[in-house]
Amino acid sequence: MSLYTQLRRSLVESGEWDQIQAVMHARLNEVGWVDEIKNEESSRNADFQTVLEQVSSHGQSSVPNAIKKEIQALIKRYLEKKFE
């Protein structure tokens, strides 16, 4: 089992994953990212799978660095608490 898989499982089992997702969604919504992705998705005339692939690729690369760093810090704090 990969380290990523183990970490994700631990986050999910502890309930921390839901909290991190809530923070991430709130921050992305605050900066208009959620609306941007929704608008991009609705403007495409393609089948669902194609739209999903295109939006996912753009969505991941367009997340503001400040939000990425905040989420990384939350995960780091979780790990530090877990392995103290």
C-alpha atoms as a PDB file:
ATOM      1  CA  MET A   1       0.000   0.000   0.000  1.00  0.00           C
ATOM      2  CA  SER A   2       1.436   3.387  -0.978  1.00  0.00           C
ATOM      3  CA  LEU A   3       2.194   6.130   1.517  1.00  0.00           C
ATOM      4  CA  TYR A   4      -0.454   8.331  -0.138  1.00  0.00           C
ATOM      5  CA  THR A   5      -3.067   5.601   0.281  1.00  0.00           C
ATOM      6  CA  GLN A   6      -2.140   5.097   3.928  1.00  0.00           C
ATOM      7  CA  LEU A   7      -2.256   8.825   4.624  1.00  0.00           C
ATOM      8  CA  ARG A   8      -5.601   9.248   2.913  1.00  0.00           C
ATOM      9  CA  ARG A   9      -7.066   6.273   4.791  1.00  0.00           C
ATOM     10  CA  SER A  10      -5.851   7.712   8.092  1.00  0.00           C
ATOM     11  CA  LEU A  11      -7.309  11.133   7.275  1.00  0.00           C
ATOM     12  CA  VAL A  12     -10.662   9.598   6.322  1.00  0.00           C
ATOM     13  CA  GLU A  13     -10.828   7.325   9.365  1.00  0.00           C
ATOM     14  CA  SER A  14     -10.041  10.189  11.735  1.00  0.00           C
ATOM     15  CA  GLY A  15     -12.614  12.513  10.165  1.00  0.00           C
ATOM     16  CA  GLU A  16      -9.873  15.008   9.330  1.00  0.00           C
ATOM     17  CA  TRP A  17     -10.404  14.513   5.572  1.00  0.00           C
ATOM     18  CA  ASP A  18     -13.940  15.936   5.770  1.00  0.00           C
ATOM     19  CA  GLN A  19     -12.666  18.970   7.668  1.00  0.00           C
ATOM     20  CA  ILE A  20      -9.878  19.575   5.145  1.00  0.00           C
ATOM     21  CA  GLN A  21     -12.318  19.258   2.256  1.00  0.00           C
ATOM     22  CA  ALA A  22     -14.686  21.740   3.920  1.00  0.00           C
ATOM     23  CA  VAL A  23     -11.871  24.276   4.338  1.00  0.00           C
ATOM     24  CA  MET A  24     -10.709  23.765   0.763  1.00  0.00           C
ATOM     25  CA  HIS A  25     -14.213  24.158  -0.659  1.00  0.00           C
ATOM     26  CA  ALA A  26     -14.852  27.292   1.404  1.00  0.00           C
ATOM     27  CA  ARG A  27     -11.579  28.916   0.299  1.00  0.00           C
ATOM     28  CA  LEU A  28     -12.089  27.995  -3.359  1.00  0.00           C
ATOM     29  CA  ASN A  29     -15.610  29.372  -3.203  1.00  0.00           C
ATOM     30  CA  GLU A  30     -14.352  32.619  -1.600  1.00  0.00           C
ATOM     31  CA  VAL A  31     -11.963  33.295  -4.484  1.00  0.00           C
ATOM     32  CA  GLY A  32     -14.545  32.451  -7.164  1.00  0.00           C
ATOM     33  CA  TRP A  33     -12.824  29.278  -8.314  1.00  0.00           C
ATOM     34  CA  VAL A  34     -15.942  27.111  -7.905  1.00  0.00           C
ATOM     35  CA  ASP A  35     -18.028  29.443 -10.079  1.00  0.00           C
ATOM     36  CA  GLU A  36     -15.246  29.654 -12.661  1.00  0.00           C
ATOM     37  CA  ILE A  37     -15.129  25.871 -13.019  1.00  0.00           C
ATOM     38  CA  LYS A  38     -18.940  25.617 -13.157  1.00  0.00           C
ATOM     39  CA  ASN A  39     -19.065  28.279 -15.885  1.00  0.00           C
ATOM     40  CA  GLU A  40     -16.330  26.557 -17.838  1.00  0.00           C
ATOM     41  CA  GLU A  41     -18.138  23.228 -17.572  1.00  0.00           C
ATOM     42  CA  SER A  42     -21.475  24.625 -18.714  1.00  0.00           C
ATOM     43  CA  SER A  43     -19.931  26.381 -21.723  1.00  0.00           C
ATOM     44  CA  ARG A  44     -18.592  23.159 -23.254  1.00  0.00           C
ATOM     45  CA  ASN A  45     -20.608  21.167 -25.756  1.00  0.00           C
ATOM     46  CA  ALA A  46     -19.205  17.682 -25.291  1.00  0.00           C
ATOM     47  CA  ASP A  47     -20.094  14.433 -23.616  1.00  0.00           C
ATOM     48  CA  PHE A  48     -19.817  14.254 -19.843  1.00  0.00           C
ATOM     49  CA  GLN A  49     -16.594  12.227 -19.729  1.00  0.00           C
ATOM     50  CA  THR A  50     -14.779  14.647 -22.056  1.00  0.00           C
ATOM     51  CA  VAL A  51     -15.960  17.662 -20.063  1.00  0.00           C
ATOM     52  CA  LEU A  52     -14.932  15.996 -16.804  1.00  0.00           C
ATOM     53  CA  GLU A  53     -11.428  15.280 -18.103  1.00  0.00           C
ATOM     54  CA  GLN A  54     -10.963  18.803 -19.441  1.00  0.00           C
ATOM     55  CA  VAL A  55     -12.361  20.540 -16.367  1.00  0.00           C
ATOM     56  CA  SER A  56     -10.401  18.280 -13.993  1.00  0.00           C
ATOM     57  CA  SER A  57      -7.137  19.056 -15.727  1.00  0.00           C
ATOM     58  CA  HIS A  58      -7.761  22.807 -15.761  1.00  0.00           C
ATOM     59  CA  GLY A  59      -9.282  22.777 -12.286  1.00  0.00           C
ATOM     60  CA  GLN A  60      -6.301  21.135 -10.641  1.00  0.00           C
ATOM     61  CA  SER A  61      -3.815  23.462 -12.282  1.00  0.00           C
ATOM     62  CA  SER A  62      -5.825  26.606 -11.536  1.00  0.00           C
ATOM     63  CA  VAL A  63      -6.164  26.190  -7.760  1.00  0.00           C
ATOM     64  CA  PRO A  64      -4.479  29.257  -6.225  1.00  0.00           C
ATOM     65  CA  ASN A  65      -1.110  28.517  -4.615  1.00  0.00           C
ATOM     66  CA  ALA A  66      -2.182  30.109  -1.326  1.00  0.00           C
ATOM     67  CA  ILE A  67      -5.005  27.571  -1.023  1.00  0.00           C
ATOM     68  CA  LYS A  68      -2.726  24.675  -1.948  1.00  0.00           C
ATOM     69  CA  LYS A  69      -0.287  25.779   0.755  1.00  0.00           C
ATOM     70  CA  GLU A  70      -3.072  26.126   3.325  1.00  0.00           C
ATOM     71  CA  ILE A  71      -4.310  22.599   2.639  1.00  0.00           C
ATOM     72  CA  GLN A  72      -0.762  21.250   2.735  1.00  0.00           C
ATOM     73  CA  ALA A  73      -0.273  22.944   6.111  1.00  0.00           C
ATOM     74  CA  LEU A  74      -3.452  21.315   7.448  1.00  0.00           C
ATOM     75  CA  ILE A  75      -2.214  17.894   6.343  1.00  0.00           C
ATOM     76  CA  LYS A  76       1.235  18.588   7.804  1.00  0.00           C
ATOM     77  CA  ARG A  77      -0.299  19.571  11.168  1.00  0.00           C
ATOM     78  CA  TYR A  78      -2.348  16.367  11.137  1.00  0.00           C
ATOM     79  CA  LEU A  79       0.786  14.316  10.528  1.00  0.00           C
ATOM     80  CA  GLU A  80       2.728  16.139  13.219  1.00  0.00           C
ATOM     81  CA  LYS A  81      -0.044  15.480  15.759  1.00  0.00           C
ATOM     82  CA  LYS A  82      -0.290  11.850  14.732  1.00  0.00           C
ATOM     83  CA  PHE A  83       3.430  11.159  15.036  1.00  0.00           C
ATOM     84  CA  GLU A  84       4.352  13.210  18.109  1.00  0.00           C
END
